[in-house]
Amino acid sequence: MLVVAVVAAITTFAVGYAVGGQSAIEDNWVAVLGWIIPLVGLLASLAAFVLAIVAKIRRERWTLLWAPLCAFPAFVAFLVLGEAFWWE
């Protein structure tokens, strides 16, 4: 979900820029979509993270349990660092 959310947000900006140039990506709808899409990805990653913690506590054996445990912190770090350094 993390990769899908990031790709969808980048695609939204790329299509807006390709269609209308710089003025198109300054519109409010592009900004709203640019925040809603990663927010949905963040919430989905949080749900997977919580379910992975529950599975870890119950000592269930998942071969891919590391994926949801790494995806949420990585997504949060990407959003925090992106907001702090790249998008401002």
PDB file of N, CA and C in Angstrom:
ATOM      1  N   MET A   1       0.826  -1.190   0.000  1.00  0.00           N
ATOM      2  CA  MET A   1       0.000   0.000   0.000  1.00  0.00           C
ATOM      3  C   MET A   1       0.867   1.249   0.000  1.00  0.00           C
ATOM      4  N   LEU A   2       2.004   1.163   0.649  1.00  0.00           N
ATOM      5  CA  LEU A   2       2.918   2.294   0.710  1.00  0.00           C
ATOM      6  C   LEU A   2       3.352   2.712  -0.688  1.00  0.00           C
ATOM      7  N   VAL A   3       3.785   1.780  -1.471  1.00  0.00           N
ATOM      8  CA  VAL A   3       4.267   2.080  -2.815  1.00  0.00           C
ATOM      9  C   VAL A   3       3.124   2.586  -3.683  1.00  0.00           C
ATOM     10  N   VAL A   4       1.963   1.997  -3.550  1.00  0.00           N
ATOM     11  CA  VAL A   4       0.808   2.419  -4.340  1.00  0.00           C
ATOM     12  C   VAL A   4       0.416   3.852  -3.999  1.00  0.00           C
ATOM     13  N   ALA A   5       0.427   4.205  -2.732  1.00  0.00           N
ATOM     14  CA  ALA A   5       0.059   5.565  -2.320  1.00  0.00           C
ATOM     15  C   ALA A   5       1.056   6.590  -2.839  1.00  0.00           C
ATOM     16  N   VAL A   6       2.335   6.283  -2.741  1.00  0.00           N
ATOM     17  CA  VAL A   6       3.356   7.219  -3.218  1.00  0.00           C
ATOM     18  C   VAL A   6       3.291   7.370  -4.732  1.00  0.00           C
ATOM     19  N   VAL A   7       3.139   6.262  -5.436  1.00  0.00           N
ATOM     20  CA  VAL A   7       3.042   6.320  -6.900  1.00  0.00           C
ATOM     21  C   VAL A   7       1.785   7.067  -7.332  1.00  0.00           C
ATOM     22  N   ALA A   8       0.677   6.855  -6.643  1.00  0.00           N
ATOM     23  CA  ALA A   8      -0.566   7.553  -6.993  1.00  0.00           C
ATOM     24  C   ALA A   8      -0.439   9.054  -6.763  1.00  0.00           C
ATOM     25  N   ALA A   9       0.197   9.460  -5.676  1.00  0.00           N
ATOM     26  CA  ALA A   9       0.378  10.887  -5.412  1.00  0.00           C
ATOM     27  C   ALA A   9       1.295  11.525  -6.436  1.00  0.00           C
ATOM     28  N   ILE A  10       2.382  10.852  -6.773  1.00  0.00           N
ATOM     29  CA  ILE A  10       3.295  11.379  -7.793  1.00  0.00           C
ATOM     30  C   ILE A  10       2.620  11.435  -9.146  1.00  0.00           C
ATOM     31  N   THR A  11       1.820  10.429  -9.474  1.00  0.00           N
ATOM     32  CA  THR A  11       1.104  10.414 -10.745  1.00  0.00           C
ATOM     33  C   THR A  11       0.106  11.564 -10.832  1.00  0.00           C
ATOM     34  N   THR A  12      -0.553  11.873  -9.721  1.00  0.00           N
ATOM     35  CA  THR A  12      -1.498  12.989  -9.704  1.00  0.00           C
ATOM     36  C   THR A  12      -0.800  14.297 -10.061  1.00  0.00           C
ATOM     37  N   PHE A  13       0.345  14.529  -9.461  1.00  0.00           N
ATOM     38  CA  PHE A  13       1.091  15.744  -9.766  1.00  0.00           C
ATOM     39  C   PHE A  13       1.648  15.723 -11.185  1.00  0.00           C
ATOM     40  N   ALA A  14       2.119  14.566 -11.637  1.00  0.00           N
ATOM     41  CA  ALA A  14       2.686  14.468 -12.984  1.00  0.00           C
ATOM     42  C   ALA A  14       1.630  14.707 -14.054  1.00  0.00           C
ATOM     43  N   VAL A  15       0.456  14.134 -13.883  1.00  0.00           N
ATOM     44  CA  VAL A  15      -0.622  14.343 -14.866  1.00  0.00           C
ATOM     45  C   VAL A  15      -1.080  15.791 -14.843  1.00  0.00           C
ATOM     46  N   GLY A  16      -1.230  16.360 -13.661  1.00  0.00           N
ATOM     47  CA  GLY A  16      -1.609  17.774 -13.577  1.00  0.00           C
ATOM     48  C   GLY A  16      -0.591  18.682 -14.231  1.00  0.00           C
ATOM     49  N   TYR A  17       0.685  18.386 -14.040  1.00  0.00           N
ATOM     50  CA  TYR A  17       1.738  19.201 -14.638  1.00  0.00           C
ATOM     51  C   TYR A  17       1.785  19.014 -16.152  1.00  0.00           C
ATOM     52  N   ALA A  18       1.574  17.785 -16.611  1.00  0.00           N
ATOM     53  CA  ALA A  18       1.602  17.520 -18.052  1.00  0.00           C
ATOM     54  C   ALA A  18       0.429  18.166 -18.769  1.00  0.00           C
ATOM     55  N   VAL A  19      -0.718  18.214 -18.120  1.00  0.00           N
ATOM     56  CA  VAL A  19      -1.912  18.767 -18.755  1.00  0.00           C
ATOM     57  C   VAL A  19      -1.907  20.288 -18.729  1.00  0.00           C
ATOM     58  N   GLY A  20      -1.592  20.876 -17.582  1.00  0.00           N
ATOM     59  CA  GLY A  20      -1.733  22.317 -17.468  1.00  0.00           C
ATOM     60  C   GLY A  20      -0.495  23.076 -17.068  1.00  0.00           C
ATOM     61  N   GLY A  21       0.611  22.415 -16.917  1.00  0.00           N
ATOM     62  CA  GLY A  21       1.843  23.088 -16.539  1.00  0.00           C
ATOM     63  C   GLY A  21       1.867  23.489 -15.074  1.00  0.00           C
ATOM     64  N   GLN A  22       2.697  24.483 -14.775  1.00  0.00           N
ATOM     65  CA  GLN A  22       2.898  24.920 -13.393  1.00  0.00           C
ATOM     66  C   GLN A  22       1.608  25.417 -12.741  1.00  0.00           C
ATOM     67  N   SER A  23       0.781  26.096 -13.497  1.00  0.00           N
ATOM     68  CA  SER A  23      -0.455  26.635 -12.915  1.00  0.00           C
ATOM     69  C   SER A  23      -1.441  25.534 -12.526  1.00  0.00           C
ATOM     70  N   ALA A  24      -1.363  24.387 -13.192  1.00  0.00           N
ATOM     71  CA  ALA A  24      -2.293  23.294 -12.878  1.00  0.00           C
ATOM     72  C   ALA A  24      -1.975  22.639 -11.544  1.00  0.00           C
ATOM     73  N   ILE A  25      -0.715  22.544 -11.178  1.00  0.00           N
ATOM     74  CA  ILE A  25      -0.393  21.878  -9.916  1.00  0.00           C
ATOM     75  C   ILE A  25      -0.495  22.833  -8.741  1.00  0.00           C
ATOM     76  N   GLU A  26      -0.777  24.100  -8.999  1.00  0.00           N
ATOM     77  CA  GLU A  26      -1.019  25.046  -7.916  1.00  0.00           C
ATOM     78  C   GLU A  26      -2.481  25.060  -7.491  1.00  0.00           C
ATOM     79  N   ASP A  27      -3.338  24.355  -8.228  1.00  0.00           N
ATOM     80  CA  ASP A  27      -4.764  24.305  -7.903  1.00  0.00           C
ATOM     81  C   ASP A  27      -4.998  23.546  -6.600  1.00  0.00           C
ATOM     82  N   ASN A  28      -6.115  23.838  -5.980  1.00  0.00           N
ATOM     83  CA  ASN A  28      -6.442  23.219  -4.697  1.00  0.00           C
ATOM     84  C   ASN A  28      -6.748  21.735  -4.815  1.00  0.00           C
ATOM     85  N   TRP A  29      -7.387  21.306  -5.906  1.00  0.00           N
ATOM     86  CA  TRP A  29      -7.761  19.900  -6.019  1.00  0.00           C
ATOM     87  C   TRP A  29      -6.539  19.009  -6.102  1.00  0.00           C
ATOM     88  N   VAL A  30      -5.486  19.489  -6.729  1.00  0.00           N
ATOM     89  CA  VAL A  30      -4.264  18.695  -6.809  1.00  0.00           C
ATOM     90  C   VAL A  30      -3.618  18.583  -5.427  1.00  0.00           C
ATOM     91  N   ALA A  31      -3.641  19.664  -4.674  1.00  0.00           N
ATOM     92  CA  ALA A  31      -3.089  19.635  -3.323  1.00  0.00           C
ATOM     93  C   ALA A  31      -3.910  18.717  -2.413  1.00  0.00           C
ATOM     94  N   VAL A  32      -5.216  18.769  -2.553  1.00  0.00           N
ATOM     95  CA  VAL A  32      -6.078  17.902  -1.742  1.00  0.00           C
ATOM     96  C   VAL A  32      -5.822  16.435  -2.077  1.00  0.00           C
ATOM     97  N   LEU A  33      -5.760  16.115  -3.364  1.00  0.00           N
ATOM     98  CA  LEU A  33      -5.462  14.736  -3.743  1.00  0.00           C
ATOM     99  C   LEU A  33      -4.054  14.332  -3.313  1.00  0.00           C
ATOM    100  N   GLY A  34      -3.130  15.277  -3.372  1.00  0.00           N
ATOM    101  CA  GLY A  34      -1.766  14.997  -2.965  1.00  0.00           C
ATOM    102  C   GLY A  34      -1.634  14.702  -1.488  1.00  0.00           C
ATOM    103  N   TRP A  35      -2.596  15.135  -0.680  1.00  0.00           N
ATOM    104  CA  TRP A  35      -2.576  14.814   0.749  1.00  0.00           C
ATOM    105  C   TRP A  35      -3.515  13.682   1.122  1.00  0.00           C
ATOM    106  N   ILE A  36      -4.623  13.546   0.422  1.00  0.00           N
ATOM    107  CA  ILE A  36      -5.569  12.467   0.743  1.00  0.00           C
ATOM    108  C   ILE A  36      -4.983  11.105   0.391  1.00  0.00           C
ATOM    109  N   ILE A  37      -4.343  11.012  -0.753  1.00  0.00           N
ATOM    110  CA  ILE A  37      -3.791   9.714  -1.180  1.00  0.00           C
ATOM    111  C   ILE A  37      -2.737   9.207  -0.196  1.00  0.00           C
ATOM    112  N   PRO A  38      -1.738  10.018   0.192  1.00  0.00           N
ATOM    113  CA  PRO A  38      -0.787   9.509   1.199  1.00  0.00           C
ATOM    114  C   PRO A  38      -1.431   9.271   2.568  1.00  0.00           C
ATOM    115  N   LEU A  39      -2.457  10.038   2.907  1.00  0.00           N
ATOM    116  CA  LEU A  39      -3.138   9.818   4.184  1.00  0.00           C
ATOM    117  C   LEU A  39      -3.817   8.452   4.206  1.00  0.00           C
ATOM    118  N   VAL A  40      -4.437   8.069   3.105  1.00  0.00           N
ATOM    119  CA  VAL A  40      -5.052   6.743   3.014  1.00  0.00           C
ATOM    120  C   VAL A  40      -3.977   5.663   3.101  1.00  0.00           C
ATOM    121  N   GLY A  41      -2.858   5.884   2.437  1.00  0.00           N
ATOM    122  CA  GLY A  41      -1.746   4.931   2.528  1.00  0.00           C
ATOM    123  C   GLY A  41      -1.196   4.831   3.939  1.00  0.00           C
ATOM    124  N   LEU A  42      -1.136   5.972   4.630  1.00  0.00           N
ATOM    125  CA  LEU A  42      -0.665   5.982   6.017  1.00  0.00           C
ATOM    126  C   LEU A  42      -1.607   5.205   6.922  1.00  0.00           C
ATOM    127  N   LEU A  43      -2.909   5.407   6.748  1.00  0.00           N
ATOM    128  CA  LEU A  43      -3.886   4.683   7.570  1.00  0.00           C
ATOM    129  C   LEU A  43      -3.867   3.180   7.286  1.00  0.00           C
ATOM    130  N   ALA A  44      -3.703   2.809   6.021  1.00  0.00           N
ATOM    131  CA  ALA A  44      -3.617   1.389   5.680  1.00  0.00           C
ATOM    132  C   ALA A  44      -2.340   0.773   6.251  1.00  0.00           C
ATOM    133  N   SER A  45      -1.239   1.513   6.201  1.00  0.00           N
ATOM    134  CA  SER A  45       0.009   1.016   6.780  1.00  0.00           C
ATOM    135  C   SER A  45      -0.103   0.893   8.292  1.00  0.00           C
ATOM    136  N   LEU A  46      -0.800   1.827   8.926  1.00  0.00           N
ATOM    137  CA  LEU A  46      -1.012   1.761  10.371  1.00  0.00           C
ATOM    138  C   LEU A  46      -1.836   0.529  10.739  1.00  0.00           C
ATOM    139  N   ALA A  47      -2.879   0.249   9.973  1.00  0.00           N
ATOM    140  CA  ALA A  47      -3.700  -0.936  10.242  1.00  0.00           C
ATOM    141  C   ALA A  47      -2.878  -2.216  10.091  1.00  0.00           C
ATOM    142  N   ALA A  48      -2.060  -2.284   9.049  1.00  0.00           N
ATOM    143  CA  ALA A  48      -1.205  -3.462   8.854  1.00  0.00           C
ATOM    144  C   ALA A  48      -0.178  -3.581   9.968  1.00  0.00           C
ATOM    145  N   PHE A  49       0.351  -2.449  10.428  1.00  0.00           N
ATOM    146  CA  PHE A  49       1.325  -2.434  11.520  1.00  0.00           C
ATOM    147  C   PHE A  49       0.706  -2.972  12.807  1.00  0.00           C
ATOM    148  N   VAL A  50      -0.502  -2.505  13.131  1.00  0.00           N
ATOM    149  CA  VAL A  50      -1.186  -2.968  14.345  1.00  0.00           C
ATOM    150  C   VAL A  50      -1.495  -4.459  14.253  1.00  0.00           C
ATOM    151  N   LEU A  51      -1.975  -4.908  13.106  1.00  0.00           N
ATOM    152  CA  LEU A  51      -2.266  -6.332  12.948  1.00  0.00           C
ATOM    153  C   LEU A  51      -1.000  -7.181  13.020  1.00  0.00           C
ATOM    154  N   ALA A  52       0.105  -6.668  12.521  1.00  0.00           N
ATOM    155  CA  ALA A  52       1.369  -7.401  12.611  1.00  0.00           C
ATOM    156  C   ALA A  52       1.856  -7.483  14.048  1.00  0.00           C
ATOM    157  N   ILE A  53       1.654  -6.415  14.817  1.00  0.00           N
ATOM    158  CA  ILE A  53       2.029  -6.454  16.235  1.00  0.00           C
ATOM    159  C   ILE A  53       1.175  -7.474  16.984  1.00  0.00           C
ATOM    160  N   VAL A  54      -0.115  -7.505  16.685  1.00  0.00           N
ATOM    161  CA  VAL A  54      -1.001  -8.498  17.316  1.00  0.00           C
ATOM    162  C   VAL A  54      -0.548  -9.912  16.953  1.00  0.00           C
ATOM    163  N   ALA A  55      -0.194 -10.127  15.701  1.00  0.00           N
ATOM    164  CA  ALA A  55       0.278 -11.454  15.287  1.00  0.00           C
ATOM    165  C   ALA A  55       1.596 -11.807  15.965  1.00  0.00           C
ATOM    166  N   LYS A  56       2.457 -10.819  16.134  1.00  0.00           N
ATOM    167  CA  LYS A  56       3.739 -11.056  16.804  1.00  0.00           C
ATOM    168  C   LYS A  56       3.522 -11.401  18.277  1.00  0.00           C
ATOM    169  N   ILE A  57       2.583 -10.722  18.935  1.00  0.00           N
ATOM    170  CA  ILE A  57       2.290 -10.998  20.342  1.00  0.00           C
ATOM    171  C   ILE A  57       1.722 -12.408  20.502  1.00  0.00           C
ATOM    172  N   ARG A  58       0.891 -12.816  19.570  1.00  0.00           N
ATOM    173  CA  ARG A  58       0.296 -14.163  19.628  1.00  0.00           C
ATOM    174  C   ARG A  58       1.256 -15.242  19.135  1.00  0.00           C
ATOM    175  N   ARG A  59       2.452 -14.841  18.759  1.00  0.00           N
ATOM    176  CA  ARG A  59       3.510 -15.740  18.288  1.00  0.00           C
ATOM    177  C   ARG A  59       3.101 -16.545  17.065  1.00  0.00           C
ATOM    178  N   GLU A  60       2.348 -15.911  16.172  1.00  0.00           N
ATOM    179  CA  GLU A  60       2.006 -16.562  14.917  1.00  0.00           C
ATOM    180  C   GLU A  60       3.214 -16.498  13.990  1.00  0.00           C
ATOM    181  N   ARG A  61       3.360 -17.481  13.178  1.00  0.00           N
ATOM    182  CA  ARG A  61       4.516 -17.547  12.288  1.00  0.00           C
ATOM    183  C   ARG A  61       4.108 -17.111  10.887  1.00  0.00           C
ATOM    184  N   TRP A  62       4.513 -15.921  10.555  1.00  0.00           N
ATOM    185  CA  TRP A  62       4.316 -15.392   9.208  1.00  0.00           C
ATOM    186  C   TRP A  62       5.685 -15.239   8.593  1.00  0.00           C
ATOM    187  N   THR A  63       5.815 -15.672   7.379  1.00  0.00           N
ATOM    188  CA  THR A  63       7.116 -15.507   6.732  1.00  0.00           C
ATOM    189  C   THR A  63       7.336 -14.064   6.294  1.00  0.00           C
ATOM    190  N   LEU A  64       6.279 -13.330   6.023  1.00  0.00           N
ATOM    191  CA  LEU A  64       6.405 -11.945   5.577  1.00  0.00           C
ATOM    192  C   LEU A  64       5.949 -10.949   6.642  1.00  0.00           C
ATOM    193  N   LEU A  65       6.087 -11.297   7.909  1.00  0.00           N
ATOM    194  CA  LEU A  65       5.653 -10.415   8.987  1.00  0.00           C
ATOM    195  C   LEU A  65       6.490  -9.144   9.064  1.00  0.00           C
ATOM    196  N   TRP A  66       7.711  -9.190   8.579  1.00  0.00           N
ATOM    197  CA  TRP A  66       8.573  -8.019   8.629  1.00  0.00           C
ATOM    198  C   TRP A  66       8.070  -6.904   7.713  1.00  0.00           C
ATOM    199  N   ALA A  67       7.330  -7.217   6.659  1.00  0.00           N
ATOM    200  CA  ALA A  67       6.883  -6.195   5.701  1.00  0.00           C
ATOM    201  C   ALA A  67       5.954  -5.156   6.341  1.00  0.00           C
ATOM    202  N   PRO A  68       4.859  -5.550   7.013  1.00  0.00           N
ATOM    203  CA  PRO A  68       4.032  -4.514   7.638  1.00  0.00           C
ATOM    204  C   PRO A  68       4.701  -3.853   8.834  1.00  0.00           C
ATOM    205  N   LEU A  69       5.620  -4.561   9.486  1.00  0.00           N
ATOM    206  CA  LEU A  69       6.326  -3.956  10.617  1.00  0.00           C
ATOM    207  C   LEU A  69       7.307  -2.884  10.154  1.00  0.00           C
ATOM    208  N   CYS A  70       7.799  -2.988   8.947  1.00  0.00           N
ATOM    209  CA  CYS A  70       8.730  -1.990   8.408  1.00  0.00           C
ATOM    210  C   CYS A  70       8.021  -0.908   7.597  1.00  0.00           C
ATOM    211  N   ALA A  71       6.879  -1.232   7.001  1.00  0.00           N
ATOM    212  CA  ALA A  71       6.225  -0.299   6.079  1.00  0.00           C
ATOM    213  C   ALA A  71       5.708   0.951   6.790  1.00  0.00           C
ATOM    214  N   PHE A  72       5.067   0.797   7.929  1.00  0.00           N
ATOM    215  CA  PHE A  72       4.517   1.974   8.616  1.00  0.00           C
ATOM    216  C   PHE A  72       5.601   2.936   9.090  1.00  0.00           C
ATOM    217  N   PRO A  73       6.638   2.465   9.787  1.00  0.00           N
ATOM    218  CA  PRO A  73       7.686   3.418  10.173  1.00  0.00           C
ATOM    219  C   PRO A  73       8.395   4.039   8.974  1.00  0.00           C
ATOM    220  N   ALA A  74       8.576   3.270   7.904  1.00  0.00           N
ATOM    221  CA  ALA A  74       9.215   3.825   6.707  1.00  0.00           C
ATOM    222  C   ALA A  74       8.334   4.892   6.064  1.00  0.00           C
ATOM    223  N   PHE A  75       7.037   4.664   6.032  1.00  0.00           N
ATOM    224  CA  PHE A  75       6.121   5.625   5.437  1.00  0.00           C
ATOM    225  C   PHE A  75       6.061   6.906   6.265  1.00  0.00           C
ATOM    226  N   VAL A  76       6.047   6.765   7.574  1.00  0.00           N
ATOM    227  CA  VAL A  76       6.036   7.941   8.449  1.00  0.00           C
ATOM    228  C   VAL A  76       7.337   8.727   8.278  1.00  0.00           C
ATOM    229  N   ALA A  77       8.456   8.027   8.233  1.00  0.00           N
ATOM    230  CA  ALA A  77       9.742   8.709   8.036  1.00  0.00           C
ATOM    231  C   ALA A  77       9.780   9.413   6.685  1.00  0.00           C
ATOM    232  N   PHE A  78       9.251   8.778   5.646  1.00  0.00           N
ATOM    233  CA  PHE A  78       9.214   9.395   4.320  1.00  0.00           C
ATOM    234  C   PHE A  78       8.379  10.674   4.341  1.00  0.00           C
ATOM    235  N   LEU A  79       7.224  10.632   4.976  1.00  0.00           N
ATOM    236  CA  LEU A  79       6.369  11.819   5.038  1.00  0.00           C
ATOM    237  C   LEU A  79       6.992  12.926   5.874  1.00  0.00           C
ATOM    238  N   VAL A  80       7.587  12.583   6.995  1.00  0.00           N
ATOM    239  CA  VAL A  80       8.198  13.605   7.856  1.00  0.00           C
ATOM    240  C   VAL A  80       9.407  14.237   7.176  1.00  0.00           C
ATOM    241  N   LEU A  81      10.289  13.415   6.637  1.00  0.00           N
ATOM    242  CA  LEU A  81      11.469  13.958   5.960  1.00  0.00           C
ATOM    243  C   LEU A  81      11.097  14.696   4.679  1.00  0.00           C
ATOM    244  N   GLY A  82      10.103  14.185   3.975  1.00  0.00           N
ATOM    245  CA  GLY A  82       9.664  14.868   2.767  1.00  0.00           C
ATOM    246  C   GLY A  82       9.081  16.230   3.066  1.00  0.00           C
ATOM    247  N   GLU A  83       8.295  16.318   4.095  1.00  0.00           N
ATOM    248  CA  GLU A  83       7.698  17.598   4.468  1.00  0.00           C
ATOM    249  C   GLU A  83       8.757  18.548   4.987  1.00  0.00           C
ATOM    250  N   ALA A  84       9.717  18.037   5.721  1.00  0.00           N
ATOM    251  CA  ALA A  84      10.740  18.898   6.320  1.00  0.00           C
ATOM    252  C   ALA A  84      11.750  19.417   5.304  1.00  0.00           C
ATOM    253  N   PHE A  85      12.139  18.591   4.348  1.00  0.00           N
ATOM    254  CA  PHE A  85      13.247  18.969   3.474  1.00  0.00           C
ATOM    255  C   PHE A  85      12.882  19.152   2.004  1.00  0.00           C
ATOM    256  N   TRP A  86      11.985  18.318   1.457  1.00  0.00           N
ATOM    257  CA  TRP A  86      11.774  18.330   0.016  1.00  0.00           C
ATOM    258  C   TRP A  86      10.615  19.214  -0.409  1.00  0.00           C
ATOM    259  N   TRP A  87       9.505  19.163   0.290  1.00  0.00           N
ATOM    260  CA  TRP A  87       8.291  19.813  -0.191  1.00  0.00           C
ATOM    261  C   TRP A  87       8.093  21.219   0.336  1.00  0.00           C
ATOM    262  N   GLU A  88       8.933  21.693   1.180  1.00  0.00           N
ATOM    263  CA  GLU A  88       8.770  23.060   1.734  1.00  0.00           C
ATOM    264  C   GLU A  88       9.576  24.049   0.962  1.00  0.00           C
TER     265      GLU A  88
END
